[in-house]
Amino acid sequence: DVAVGNLPEVKGADLRVKGAALGVQVAKGALYPVLTLNGNLSSLYSS
């Protein structure tokens, strides 16, 4: 009981599980639309 709550091996494995769950959410984000705001400033010169 003490080791499960304190050993870094267990903590690291649990954090990897949470990270993998967020990886699923990141992959699902590709199904949604993407909205982007673009701005442009330009000028030119000719001899």
ModelCIF file with pLDDT and N, C-alpha, C, O atoms, coordinates in Angstrom:
data_MODEL
#
_entry.id   MODEL 
#
_entity.id                         1 
_entity.type                       polymer 
_entity.pdbx_number_of_molecules   1 
#
_entity_poly.entity_id                      1 
_entity_poly.type                           'polypeptide(L)' 
_entity_poly.nstd_linkage                   no 
_entity_poly.nstd_monomer                   no 
_entity_poly.pdbx_seq_one_letter_code       DVAVGNLPEVKGADLRVKGAALGVQVAKGALYPVLTLNGNLSSLYSS 
_entity_poly.pdbx_seq_one_letter_code_can   DVAVGNLPEVKGADLRVKGAALGVQVAKGALYPVLTLNGNLSSLYSS 
_entity_poly.pdbx_strand_id                 A 
#
loop_
_entity_poly_seq.entity_id 
_entity_poly_seq.num 
_entity_poly_seq.mon_id 
_entity_poly_seq.hetero 
1 1  ASP n 
1 2  VAL n 
1 3  ALA n 
1 4  VAL n 
1 5  GLY n 
1 6  ASN n 
1 7  LEU n 
1 8  PRO n 
1 9  GLU n 
1 10 VAL n 
1 11 LYS n 
1 12 GLY n 
1 13 ALA n 
1 14 ASP n 
1 15 LEU n 
1 16 ARG n 
1 17 VAL n 
1 18 LYS n 
1 19 GLY n 
1 20 ALA n 
1 21 ALA n 
1 22 LEU n 
1 23 GLY n 
1 24 VAL n 
1 25 GLN n 
1 26 VAL n 
1 27 ALA n 
1 28 LYS n 
1 29 GLY n 
1 30 ALA n 
1 31 LEU n 
1 32 TYR n 
1 33 PRO n 
1 34 VAL n 
1 35 LEU n 
1 36 THR n 
1 37 LEU n 
1 38 ASN n 
1 39 GLY n 
1 40 ASN n 
1 41 LEU n 
1 42 SER n 
1 43 SER n 
1 44 LEU n 
1 45 TYR n 
1 46 SER n 
1 47 SER n 
#
_struct_asym.id          A 
_struct_asym.entity_id   1 
#
loop_
_ma_qa_metric.id 
_ma_qa_metric.mode 
_ma_qa_metric.name 
_ma_qa_metric.software_group_id 
_ma_qa_metric.type 
1 global pLDDT . pLDDT 
2 local  pLDDT . pLDDT 
#
_ma_qa_metric_global.metric_id      1 
_ma_qa_metric_global.metric_value   93.11 
_ma_qa_metric_global.model_id       1 
_ma_qa_metric_global.ordinal_id     1 
#
loop_
_ma_qa_metric_local.label_asym_id 
_ma_qa_metric_local.label_comp_id 
_ma_qa_metric_local.label_seq_id 
_ma_qa_metric_local.metric_id 
_ma_qa_metric_local.metric_value 
_ma_qa_metric_local.model_id 
_ma_qa_metric_local.ordinal_id 
A ASP 1  2 92.00 1 1  
A VAL 2  2 91.00 1 2  
A ALA 3  2 91.00 1 3  
A VAL 4  2 92.00 1 4  
A GLY 5  2 91.00 1 5  
A ASN 6  2 91.00 1 6  
A LEU 7  2 92.00 1 7  
A PRO 8  2 94.00 1 8  
A GLU 9  2 93.00 1 9  
A VAL 10 2 94.00 1 10 
A LYS 11 2 94.00 1 11 
A GLY 12 2 95.00 1 12 
A ALA 13 2 95.00 1 13 
A ASP 14 2 96.00 1 14 
A LEU 15 2 96.00 1 15 
A ARG 16 2 96.00 1 16 
A VAL 17 2 96.00 1 17 
A LYS 18 2 96.00 1 18 
A GLY 19 2 96.00 1 19 
A ALA 20 2 96.00 1 20 
A ALA 21 2 96.00 1 21 
A LEU 22 2 95.00 1 22 
A GLY 23 2 95.00 1 23 
A VAL 24 2 96.00 1 24 
A GLN 25 2 94.00 1 25 
A VAL 26 2 94.00 1 26 
A ALA 27 2 94.00 1 27 
A LYS 28 2 93.00 1 28 
A GLY 29 2 93.00 1 29 
A ALA 30 2 91.00 1 30 
A LEU 31 2 92.00 1 31 
A TYR 32 2 93.00 1 32 
A PRO 33 2 94.00 1 33 
A VAL 34 2 94.00 1 34 
A LEU 35 2 95.00 1 35 
A THR 36 2 95.00 1 36 
A LEU 37 2 95.00 1 37 
A ASN 38 2 96.00 1 38 
A GLY 39 2 95.00 1 39 
A ASN 40 2 95.00 1 40 
A LEU 41 2 95.00 1 41 
A SER 42 2 93.00 1 42 
A SER 43 2 92.00 1 43 
A LEU 44 2 87.00 1 44 
A TYR 45 2 85.00 1 45 
A SER 46 2 82.00 1 46 
A SER 47 2 80.00 1 47 
#
loop_
_atom_site.group_PDB 
_atom_site.id 
_atom_site.type_symbol 
_atom_site.label_atom_id 
_atom_site.label_alt_id 
_atom_site.label_comp_id 
_atom_site.label_asym_id 
_atom_site.label_entity_id 
_atom_site.label_seq_id 
_atom_site.pdbx_PDB_ins_code 
_atom_site.Cartn_x 
_atom_site.Cartn_y 
_atom_site.Cartn_z 
_atom_site.occupancy 
_atom_site.B_iso_or_equiv 
_atom_site.pdbx_formal_charge 
_atom_site.auth_seq_id 
_atom_site.auth_comp_id 
_atom_site.auth_asym_id 
_atom_site.auth_atom_id 
_atom_site.pdbx_PDB_model_num 
ATOM 1   N N  . ASP A 1 1  ? 0.830   -1.216 0.000   1.00 92.00 ? 1  ASP A N  1 
ATOM 2   C CA . ASP A 1 1  ? 0.000   0.000  0.000   1.00 92.00 ? 1  ASP A CA 1 
ATOM 3   C C  . ASP A 1 1  ? 0.860   1.260  0.000   1.00 92.00 ? 1  ASP A C  1 
ATOM 4   O O  . ASP A 1 1  ? 0.554   2.222  -0.705  1.00 92.00 ? 1  ASP A O  1 
ATOM 5   N N  . VAL A 1 2  ? 1.932   1.257  0.786   1.00 91.00 ? 2  VAL A N  1 
ATOM 6   C CA . VAL A 1 2  ? 2.814   2.421  0.825   1.00 91.00 ? 2  VAL A CA 1 
ATOM 7   C C  . VAL A 1 2  ? 3.588   2.562  -0.481  1.00 91.00 ? 2  VAL A C  1 
ATOM 8   O O  . VAL A 1 2  ? 3.746   3.666  -1.002  1.00 91.00 ? 2  VAL A O  1 
ATOM 9   N N  . ALA A 1 3  ? 4.070   1.429  -1.008  1.00 91.00 ? 3  ALA A N  1 
ATOM 10  C CA . ALA A 1 3  ? 4.876   1.471  -2.227  1.00 91.00 ? 3  ALA A CA 1 
ATOM 11  C C  . ALA A 1 3  ? 4.071   1.957  -3.413  1.00 91.00 ? 3  ALA A C  1 
ATOM 12  O O  . ALA A 1 3  ? 4.586   2.724  -4.227  1.00 91.00 ? 3  ALA A O  1 
ATOM 13  N N  . VAL A 1 4  ? 2.819   1.535  -3.535  1.00 92.00 ? 4  VAL A N  1 
ATOM 14  C CA . VAL A 1 4  ? 1.989   1.950  -4.672  1.00 92.00 ? 4  VAL A CA 1 
ATOM 15  C C  . VAL A 1 4  ? 1.800   3.458  -4.688  1.00 92.00 ? 4  VAL A C  1 
ATOM 16  O O  . VAL A 1 4  ? 1.745   4.070  -5.755  1.00 92.00 ? 4  VAL A O  1 
ATOM 17  N N  . GLY A 1 5  ? 1.701   4.052  -3.522  1.00 91.00 ? 5  GLY A N  1 
ATOM 18  C CA . GLY A 1 5  ? 1.481   5.498  -3.467  1.00 91.00 ? 5  GLY A CA 1 
ATOM 19  C C  . GLY A 1 5  ? 2.728   6.346  -3.529  1.00 91.00 ? 5  GLY A C  1 
ATOM 20  O O  . GLY A 1 5  ? 2.637   7.566  -3.671  1.00 91.00 ? 5  GLY A O  1 
ATOM 21  N N  . ASN A 1 6  ? 3.911   5.719  -3.425  1.00 91.00 ? 6  ASN A N  1 
ATOM 22  C CA . ASN A 1 6  ? 5.133   6.519  -3.336  1.00 91.00 ? 6  ASN A CA 1 
ATOM 23  C C  . ASN A 1 6  ? 6.216   6.174  -4.349  1.00 91.00 ? 6  ASN A C  1 
ATOM 24  O O  . ASN A 1 6  ? 7.007   7.045  -4.709  1.00 91.00 ? 6  ASN A O  1 
ATOM 25  N N  . LEU A 1 7  ? 6.274   4.951  -4.811  1.00 92.00 ? 7  LEU A N  1 
ATOM 26  C CA . LEU A 1 7  ? 7.375   4.578  -5.693  1.00 92.00 ? 7  LEU A CA 1 
ATOM 27  C C  . LEU A 1 7  ? 7.275   5.290  -7.039  1.00 92.00 ? 7  LEU A C  1 
ATOM 28  O O  . LEU A 1 7  ? 6.189   5.350  -7.616  1.00 92.00 ? 7  LEU A O  1 
ATOM 29  N N  . PRO A 1 8  ? 8.369   5.826  -7.549  1.00 94.00 ? 8  PRO A N  1 
ATOM 30  C CA . PRO A 1 8  ? 8.328   6.550  -8.823  1.00 94.00 ? 8  PRO A CA 1 
ATOM 31  C C  . PRO A 1 8  ? 7.982   5.662  -10.005 1.00 94.00 ? 8  PRO A C  1 
ATOM 32  O O  . PRO A 1 8  ? 7.465   6.154  -11.008 1.00 94.00 ? 8  PRO A O  1 
ATOM 33  N N  . GLU A 1 9  ? 8.261   4.340  -9.910  1.00 93.00 ? 9  GLU A N  1 
ATOM 34  C CA . GLU A 1 9  ? 7.901   3.459  -11.014 1.00 93.00 ? 9  GLU A CA 1 
ATOM 35  C C  . GLU A 1 9  ? 6.390   3.446  -11.229 1.00 93.00 ? 9  GLU A C  1 
ATOM 36  O O  . GLU A 1 9  ? 5.917   3.499  -12.364 1.00 93.00 ? 9  GLU A O  1 
ATOM 37  N N  . VAL A 1 10 ? 5.638   3.374  -10.132 1.00 94.00 ? 10 VAL A N  1 
ATOM 38  C CA . VAL A 1 10 ? 4.179   3.340  -10.229 1.00 94.00 ? 10 VAL A CA 1 
ATOM 39  C C  . VAL A 1 10 ? 3.646   4.706  -10.655 1.00 94.00 ? 10 VAL A C  1 
ATOM 40  O O  . VAL A 1 10 ? 2.752   4.790  -11.497 1.00 94.00 ? 10 VAL A O  1 
ATOM 41  N N  . LYS A 1 11 ? 4.188   5.766  -10.081 1.00 94.00 ? 11 LYS A N  1 
ATOM 42  C CA . LYS A 1 11 ? 3.739   7.104  -10.464 1.00 94.00 ? 11 LYS A CA 1 
ATOM 43  C C  . LYS A 1 11 ? 3.992   7.362  -11.941 1.00 94.00 ? 11 LYS A C  1 
ATOM 44  O O  . LYS A 1 11 ? 3.134   7.900  -12.640 1.00 94.00 ? 11 LYS A O  1 
ATOM 45  N N  . GLY A 1 12 ? 5.165   6.979  -12.410 1.00 95.00 ? 12 GLY A N  1 
ATOM 46  C CA . GLY A 1 12 ? 5.480   7.181  -13.822 1.00 95.00 ? 12 GLY A CA 1 
ATOM 47  C C  . GLY A 1 12 ? 4.549   6.403  -14.726 1.00 95.00 ? 12 GLY A C  1 
ATOM 48  O O  . GLY A 1 12 ? 4.120   6.923  -15.756 1.00 95.00 ? 12 GLY A O  1 
ATOM 49  N N  . ALA A 1 13 ? 4.221   5.157  -14.364 1.00 95.00 ? 13 ALA A N  1 
ATOM 50  C CA . ALA A 1 13 ? 3.306   4.357  -15.184 1.00 95.00 ? 13 ALA A CA 1 
ATOM 51  C C  . ALA A 1 13 ? 1.912   4.966  -15.206 1.00 95.00 ? 13 ALA A C  1 
ATOM 52  O O  . ALA A 1 13 ? 1.267   4.989  -16.254 1.00 95.00 ? 13 ALA A O  1 
ATOM 53  N N  . ASP A 1 14 ? 1.438   5.461  -14.064 1.00 96.00 ? 14 ASP A N  1 
ATOM 54  C CA . ASP A 1 14 ? 0.117   6.102  -14.020 1.00 96.00 ? 14 ASP A CA 1 
ATOM 55  C C  . ASP A 1 14 ? 0.092   7.383  -14.851 1.00 96.00 ? 14 ASP A C  1 
ATOM 56  O O  . ASP A 1 14 ? -0.897  7.666  -15.528 1.00 96.00 ? 14 ASP A O  1 
ATOM 57  N N  . LEU A 1 15 ? 1.158   8.143  -14.802 1.00 96.00 ? 15 LEU A N  1 
ATOM 58  C CA . LEU A 1 15 ? 1.223   9.367  -15.610 1.00 96.00 ? 15 LEU A CA 1 
ATOM 59  C C  . LEU A 1 15 ? 1.241   9.038  -17.099 1.00 96.00 ? 15 LEU A C  1 
ATOM 60  O O  . LEU A 1 15 ? 0.670   9.775  -17.903 1.00 96.00 ? 15 LEU A O  1 
ATOM 61  N N  . ARG A 1 16 ? 1.883   7.951  -17.466 1.00 96.00 ? 16 ARG A N  1 
ATOM 62  C CA . ARG A 1 16 ? 1.869   7.530  -18.871 1.00 96.00 ? 16 ARG A CA 1 
ATOM 63  C C  . ARG A 1 16 ? 0.459   7.160  -19.319 1.00 96.00 ? 16 ARG A C  1 
ATOM 64  O O  . ARG A 1 16 ? 0.084   7.414  -20.464 1.00 96.00 ? 16 ARG A O  1 
ATOM 65  N N  . VAL A 1 17 ? -0.324  6.561  -18.420 1.00 96.00 ? 17 VAL A N  1 
ATOM 66  C CA . VAL A 1 17 ? -1.714  6.224  -18.746 1.00 96.00 ? 17 VAL A CA 1 
ATOM 67  C C  . VAL A 1 17 ? -2.522  7.496  -18.998 1.00 96.00 ? 17 VAL A C  1 
ATOM 68  O O  . VAL A 1 17 ? -3.265  7.584  -19.976 1.00 96.00 ? 17 VAL A O  1 
ATOM 69  N N  . LYS A 1 18 ? -2.373  8.470  -18.118 1.00 96.00 ? 18 LYS A N  1 
ATOM 70  C CA . LYS A 1 18 ? -3.100  9.735  -18.308 1.00 96.00 ? 18 LYS A CA 1 
ATOM 71  C C  . LYS A 1 18 ? -2.656  10.439 -19.585 1.00 96.00 ? 18 LYS A C  1 
ATOM 72  O O  . LYS A 1 18 ? -3.480  11.006 -20.303 1.00 96.00 ? 18 LYS A O  1 
ATOM 73  N N  . GLY A 1 19 ? -1.361  10.404 -19.868 1.00 96.00 ? 19 GLY A N  1 
ATOM 74  C CA . GLY A 1 19 ? -0.869  11.019 -21.098 1.00 96.00 ? 19 GLY A CA 1 
ATOM 75  C C  . GLY A 1 19 ? -1.417  10.328 -22.330 1.00 96.00 ? 19 GLY A C  1 
ATOM 76  O O  . GLY A 1 19 ? -1.744  10.987 -23.317 1.00 96.00 ? 19 GLY A O  1 
ATOM 77  N N  . ALA A 1 20 ? -1.522  8.988  -22.286 1.00 96.00 ? 20 ALA A N  1 
ATOM 78  C CA . ALA A 1 20 ? -2.073  8.259  -23.431 1.00 96.00 ? 20 ALA A CA 1 
ATOM 79  C C  . ALA A 1 20 ? -3.552  8.578  -23.625 1.00 96.00 ? 20 ALA A C  1 
ATOM 80  O O  . ALA A 1 20 ? -4.022  8.642  -24.760 1.00 96.00 ? 20 ALA A O  1 
ATOM 81  N N  . ALA A 1 21 ? -4.302  8.783  -22.518 1.00 96.00 ? 21 ALA A N  1 
ATOM 82  C CA . ALA A 1 21 ? -5.715  9.163  -22.634 1.00 96.00 ? 21 ALA A CA 1 
ATOM 83  C C  . ALA A 1 21 ? -5.859  10.517 -23.311 1.00 96.00 ? 21 ALA A C  1 
ATOM 84  O O  . ALA A 1 21 ? -6.757  10.713 -24.130 1.00 96.00 ? 21 ALA A O  1 
ATOM 85  N N  . LEU A 1 22 ? -4.981  11.450 -22.973 1.00 95.00 ? 22 LEU A N  1 
ATOM 86  C CA . LEU A 1 22 ? -5.009  12.750 -23.658 1.00 95.00 ? 22 LEU A CA 1 
ATOM 87  C C  . LEU A 1 22 ? -4.571  12.603 -25.109 1.00 95.00 ? 22 LEU A C  1 
ATOM 88  O O  . LEU A 1 22 ? -5.007  13.369 -25.968 1.00 95.00 ? 22 LEU A O  1 
ATOM 89  N N  . GLY A 1 23 ? -3.711  11.626 -25.390 1.00 95.00 ? 23 GLY A N  1 
ATOM 90  C CA . GLY A 1 23 ? -3.331  11.384 -26.785 1.00 95.00 ? 23 GLY A CA 1 
ATOM 91  C C  . GLY A 1 23 ? -4.524  10.991 -27.639 1.00 95.00 ? 23 GLY A C  1 
ATOM 92  O O  . GLY A 1 23 ? -4.584  11.328 -28.821 1.00 95.00 ? 23 GLY A O  1 
ATOM 93  N N  . VAL A 1 24 ? -5.483  10.273 -27.040 1.00 96.00 ? 24 VAL A N  1 
ATOM 94  C CA . VAL A 1 24 ? -6.707  9.937  -27.764 1.00 96.00 ? 24 VAL A CA 1 
ATOM 95  C C  . VAL A 1 24 ? -7.499  11.207 -28.075 1.00 96.00 ? 24 VAL A C  1 
ATOM 96  O O  . VAL A 1 24 ? -8.018  11.360 -29.180 1.00 96.00 ? 24 VAL A O  1 
ATOM 97  N N  . GLN A 1 25 ? -7.592  12.113 -27.106 1.00 94.00 ? 25 GLN A N  1 
ATOM 98  C CA . GLN A 1 25 ? -8.307  13.369 -27.330 1.00 94.00 ? 25 GLN A CA 1 
ATOM 99  C C  . GLN A 1 25 ? -7.614  14.214 -28.400 1.00 94.00 ? 25 GLN A C  1 
ATOM 100 O O  . GLN A 1 25 ? -8.282  14.869 -29.200 1.00 94.00 ? 25 GLN A O  1 
ATOM 101 N N  . VAL A 1 26 ? -6.291  14.201 -28.418 1.00 94.00 ? 26 VAL A N  1 
ATOM 102 C CA . VAL A 1 26 ? -5.556  14.937 -29.461 1.00 94.00 ? 26 VAL A CA 1 
ATOM 103 C C  . VAL A 1 26 ? -5.873  14.358 -30.833 1.00 94.00 ? 26 VAL A C  1 
ATOM 104 O O  . VAL A 1 26 ? -6.076  15.101 -31.793 1.00 94.00 ? 26 VAL A O  1 
ATOM 105 N N  . ALA A 1 27 ? -5.915  13.023 -30.927 1.00 94.00 ? 27 ALA A N  1 
ATOM 106 C CA . ALA A 1 27 ? -6.225  12.395 -32.212 1.00 94.00 ? 27 ALA A CA 1 
ATOM 107 C C  . ALA A 1 27 ? -7.657  12.692 -32.642 1.00 94.00 ? 27 ALA A C  1 
ATOM 108 O O  . ALA A 1 27 ? -7.914  12.876 -33.832 1.00 94.00 ? 27 ALA A O  1 
ATOM 109 N N  . LYS A 1 28 ? -8.593  12.743 -31.698 1.00 93.00 ? 28 LYS A N  1 
ATOM 110 C CA . LYS A 1 28 ? -9.982  13.066 -32.047 1.00 93.00 ? 28 LYS A CA 1 
ATOM 111 C C  . LYS A 1 28 ? -10.129 14.502 -32.523 1.00 93.00 ? 28 LYS A C  1 
ATOM 112 O O  . LYS A 1 28 ? -11.055 14.805 -33.275 1.00 93.00 ? 28 LYS A O  1 
ATOM 113 N N  . GLY A 1 29 ? -9.245  15.387 -32.106 1.00 93.00 ? 29 GLY A N  1 
ATOM 114 C CA . GLY A 1 29 ? -9.322  16.777 -32.534 1.00 93.00 ? 29 GLY A CA 1 
ATOM 115 C C  . GLY A 1 29 ? -9.207  16.947 -34.040 1.00 93.00 ? 29 GLY A C  1 
ATOM 116 O O  . GLY A 1 29 ? -9.666  17.947 -34.591 1.00 93.00 ? 29 GLY A O  1 
ATOM 117 N N  . ALA A 1 30 ? -8.586  15.956 -34.719 1.00 91.00 ? 30 ALA A N  1 
ATOM 118 C CA . ALA A 1 30 ? -8.449  16.056 -36.176 1.00 91.00 ? 30 ALA A CA 1 
ATOM 119 C C  . ALA A 1 30 ? -9.784  15.899 -36.890 1.00 91.00 ? 30 ALA A C  1 
ATOM 120 O O  . ALA A 1 30 ? -9.862  16.196 -38.082 1.00 91.00 ? 30 ALA A O  1 
ATOM 121 N N  . LEU A 1 31 ? -10.846 15.441 -36.210 1.00 92.00 ? 31 LEU A N  1 
ATOM 122 C CA . LEU A 1 31 ? -12.158 15.296 -36.829 1.00 92.00 ? 31 LEU A CA 1 
ATOM 123 C C  . LEU A 1 31 ? -12.934 16.609 -36.849 1.00 92.00 ? 31 LEU A C  1 
ATOM 124 O O  . LEU A 1 31 ? -13.939 16.719 -37.553 1.00 92.00 ? 31 LEU A O  1 
ATOM 125 N N  . TYR A 1 32 ? -12.488 17.599 -36.093 1.00 93.00 ? 32 TYR A N  1 
ATOM 126 C CA . TYR A 1 32 ? -13.232 18.847 -35.964 1.00 93.00 ? 32 TYR A CA 1 
ATOM 127 C C  . TYR A 1 32 ? -12.718 19.889 -36.962 1.00 93.00 ? 32 TYR A C  1 
ATOM 128 O O  . TYR A 1 32 ? -11.583 19.802 -37.431 1.00 93.00 ? 32 TYR A O  1 
ATOM 129 N N  . PRO A 1 33 ? -13.570 20.883 -37.285 1.00 94.00 ? 33 PRO A N  1 
ATOM 130 C CA . PRO A 1 33 ? -13.119 21.952 -38.195 1.00 94.00 ? 33 PRO A CA 1 
ATOM 131 C C  . PRO A 1 33 ? -11.997 22.775 -37.564 1.00 94.00 ? 33 PRO A C  1 
ATOM 132 O O  . PRO A 1 33 ? -11.815 22.796 -36.347 1.00 94.00 ? 33 PRO A O  1 
ATOM 133 N N  . VAL A 1 34 ? -11.257 23.448 -38.436 1.00 94.00 ? 34 VAL A N  1 
ATOM 134 C CA . VAL A 1 34 ? -10.164 24.316 -38.014 1.00 94.00 ? 34 VAL A CA 1 
ATOM 135 C C  . VAL A 1 34 ? -10.491 25.728 -38.501 1.00 94.00 ? 34 VAL A C  1 
ATOM 136 O O  . VAL A 1 34 ? -10.707 25.954 -39.692 1.00 94.00 ? 34 VAL A O  1 
ATOM 137 N N  . LEU A 1 35 ? -10.524 26.661 -37.568 1.00 95.00 ? 35 LEU A N  1 
ATOM 138 C CA . LEU A 1 35 ? -10.804 28.059 -37.898 1.00 95.00 ? 35 LEU A CA 1 
ATOM 139 C C  . LEU A 1 35 ? -9.554  28.882 -37.619 1.00 95.00 ? 35 LEU A C  1 
ATOM 140 O O  . LEU A 1 35 ? -9.009  28.865 -36.515 1.00 95.00 ? 35 LEU A O  1 
ATOM 141 N N  . THR A 1 36 ? -9.106  29.612 -38.662 1.00 95.00 ? 36 THR A N  1 
ATOM 142 C CA . THR A 1 36 ? -7.854  30.358 -38.571 1.00 95.00 ? 36 THR A CA 1 
ATOM 143 C C  . THR A 1 36 ? -8.093  31.801 -38.986 1.00 95.00 ? 36 THR A C  1 
ATOM 144 O O  . THR A 1 36 ? -8.793  32.065 -39.963 1.00 95.00 ? 36 THR A O  1 
ATOM 145 N N  . LEU A 1 37 ? -7.517  32.722 -38.250 1.00 95.00 ? 37 LEU A N  1 
ATOM 146 C CA . LEU A 1 37 ? -7.535  34.143 -38.586 1.00 95.00 ? 37 LEU A CA 1 
ATOM 147 C C  . LEU A 1 37 ? -6.198  34.509 -39.213 1.00 95.00 ? 37 LEU A C  1 
ATOM 148 O O  . LEU A 1 37 ? -5.137  34.266 -38.639 1.00 95.00 ? 37 LEU A O  1 
ATOM 149 N N  . ASN A 1 38 ? -6.271  35.114 -40.436 1.00 96.00 ? 38 ASN A N  1 
ATOM 150 C CA . ASN A 1 38 ? -5.064  35.472 -41.175 1.00 96.00 ? 38 ASN A CA 1 
ATOM 151 C C  . ASN A 1 38 ? -5.031  36.980 -41.397 1.00 96.00 ? 38 ASN A C  1 
ATOM 152 O O  . ASN A 1 38 ? -6.066  37.605 -41.628 1.00 96.00 ? 38 ASN A O  1 
ATOM 153 N N  . GLY A 1 39 ? -3.857  37.546 -41.328 1.00 95.00 ? 39 GLY A N  1 
ATOM 154 C CA . GLY A 1 39 ? -3.646  38.957 -41.627 1.00 95.00 ? 39 GLY A CA 1 
ATOM 155 C C  . GLY A 1 39 ? -2.450  39.129 -42.552 1.00 95.00 ? 39 GLY A C  1 
ATOM 156 O O  . GLY A 1 39 ? -1.501  38.346 -42.500 1.00 95.00 ? 39 GLY A O  1 
ATOM 157 N N  . ASN A 1 40 ? -2.497  40.177 -43.417 1.00 95.00 ? 40 ASN A N  1 
ATOM 158 C CA . ASN A 1 40 ? -1.432  40.369 -44.392 1.00 95.00 ? 40 ASN A CA 1 
ATOM 159 C C  . ASN A 1 40 ? -1.164  41.859 -44.591 1.00 95.00 ? 40 ASN A C  1 
ATOM 160 O O  . ASN A 1 40 ? -2.092  42.653 -44.744 1.00 95.00 ? 40 ASN A O  1 
ATOM 161 N N  . LEU A 1 41 ? 0.103   42.222 -44.586 1.00 95.00 ? 41 LEU A N  1 
ATOM 162 C CA . LEU A 1 41 ? 0.567   43.565 -44.939 1.00 95.00 ? 41 LEU A CA 1 
ATOM 163 C C  . LEU A 1 41 ? 1.561   43.415 -46.079 1.00 95.00 ? 41 LEU A C  1 
ATOM 164 O O  . LEU A 1 41 ? 2.464   42.582 -46.017 1.00 95.00 ? 41 LEU A O  1 
ATOM 165 N N  . SER A 1 42 ? 1.387   44.250 -47.154 1.00 93.00 ? 42 SER A N  1 
ATOM 166 C CA . SER A 1 42 ? 2.283   44.096 -48.300 1.00 93.00 ? 42 SER A CA 1 
ATOM 167 C C  . SER A 1 42 ? 2.500   45.444 -48.985 1.00 93.00 ? 42 SER A C  1 
ATOM 168 O O  . SER A 1 42 ? 1.715   46.377 -48.816 1.00 93.00 ? 42 SER A O  1 
ATOM 169 N N  . SER A 1 43 ? 3.569   45.525 -49.753 1.00 92.00 ? 43 SER A N  1 
ATOM 170 C CA . SER A 1 43 ? 3.877   46.698 -50.572 1.00 92.00 ? 43 SER A CA 1 
ATOM 171 C C  . SER A 1 43 ? 4.887   46.266 -51.621 1.00 92.00 ? 43 SER A C  1 
ATOM 172 O O  . SER A 1 43 ? 5.467   45.183 -51.547 1.00 92.00 ? 43 SER A O  1 
ATOM 173 N N  . LEU A 1 44 ? 5.089   47.171 -52.630 1.00 87.00 ? 44 LEU A N  1 
ATOM 174 C CA . LEU A 1 44 ? 6.038   46.821 -53.683 1.00 87.00 ? 44 LEU A CA 1 
ATOM 175 C C  . LEU A 1 44 ? 6.725   48.077 -54.204 1.00 87.00 ? 44 LEU A C  1 
ATOM 176 O O  . LEU A 1 44 ? 6.306   49.205 -53.946 1.00 87.00 ? 44 LEU A O  1 
ATOM 177 N N  . TYR A 1 45 ? 7.791   47.833 -54.944 1.00 85.00 ? 45 TYR A N  1 
ATOM 178 C CA . TYR A 1 45 ? 8.597   48.917 -55.527 1.00 85.00 ? 45 TYR A CA 1 
ATOM 179 C C  . TYR A 1 45 ? 9.042   48.478 -56.909 1.00 85.00 ? 45 TYR A C  1 
ATOM 180 O O  . TYR A 1 45 ? 9.327   47.304 -57.145 1.00 85.00 ? 45 TYR A O  1 
ATOM 181 N N  . SER A 1 46 ? 9.099   49.483 -57.856 1.00 82.00 ? 46 SER A N  1 
ATOM 182 C CA . SER A 1 46 ? 9.590   49.205 -59.206 1.00 82.00 ? 46 SER A CA 1 
ATOM 183 C C  . SER A 1 46 ? 10.345  50.432 -59.719 1.00 82.00 ? 46 SER A C  1 
ATOM 184 O O  . SER A 1 46 ? 9.910   51.572 -59.559 1.00 82.00 ? 46 SER A O  1 
ATOM 185 N N  . SER A 1 47 ? 11.491  50.154 -60.339 1.00 80.00 ? 47 SER A N  1 
ATOM 186 C CA . SER A 1 47 ? 12.260  51.266 -60.898 1.00 80.00 ? 47 SER A CA 1 
ATOM 187 C C  . SER A 1 47 ? 11.558  51.905 -62.092 1.00 80.00 ? 47 SER A C  1 
ATOM 188 O O  . SER A 1 47 ? 12.075  52.856 -62.676 1.00 80.00 ? 47 SER A O  1 
#
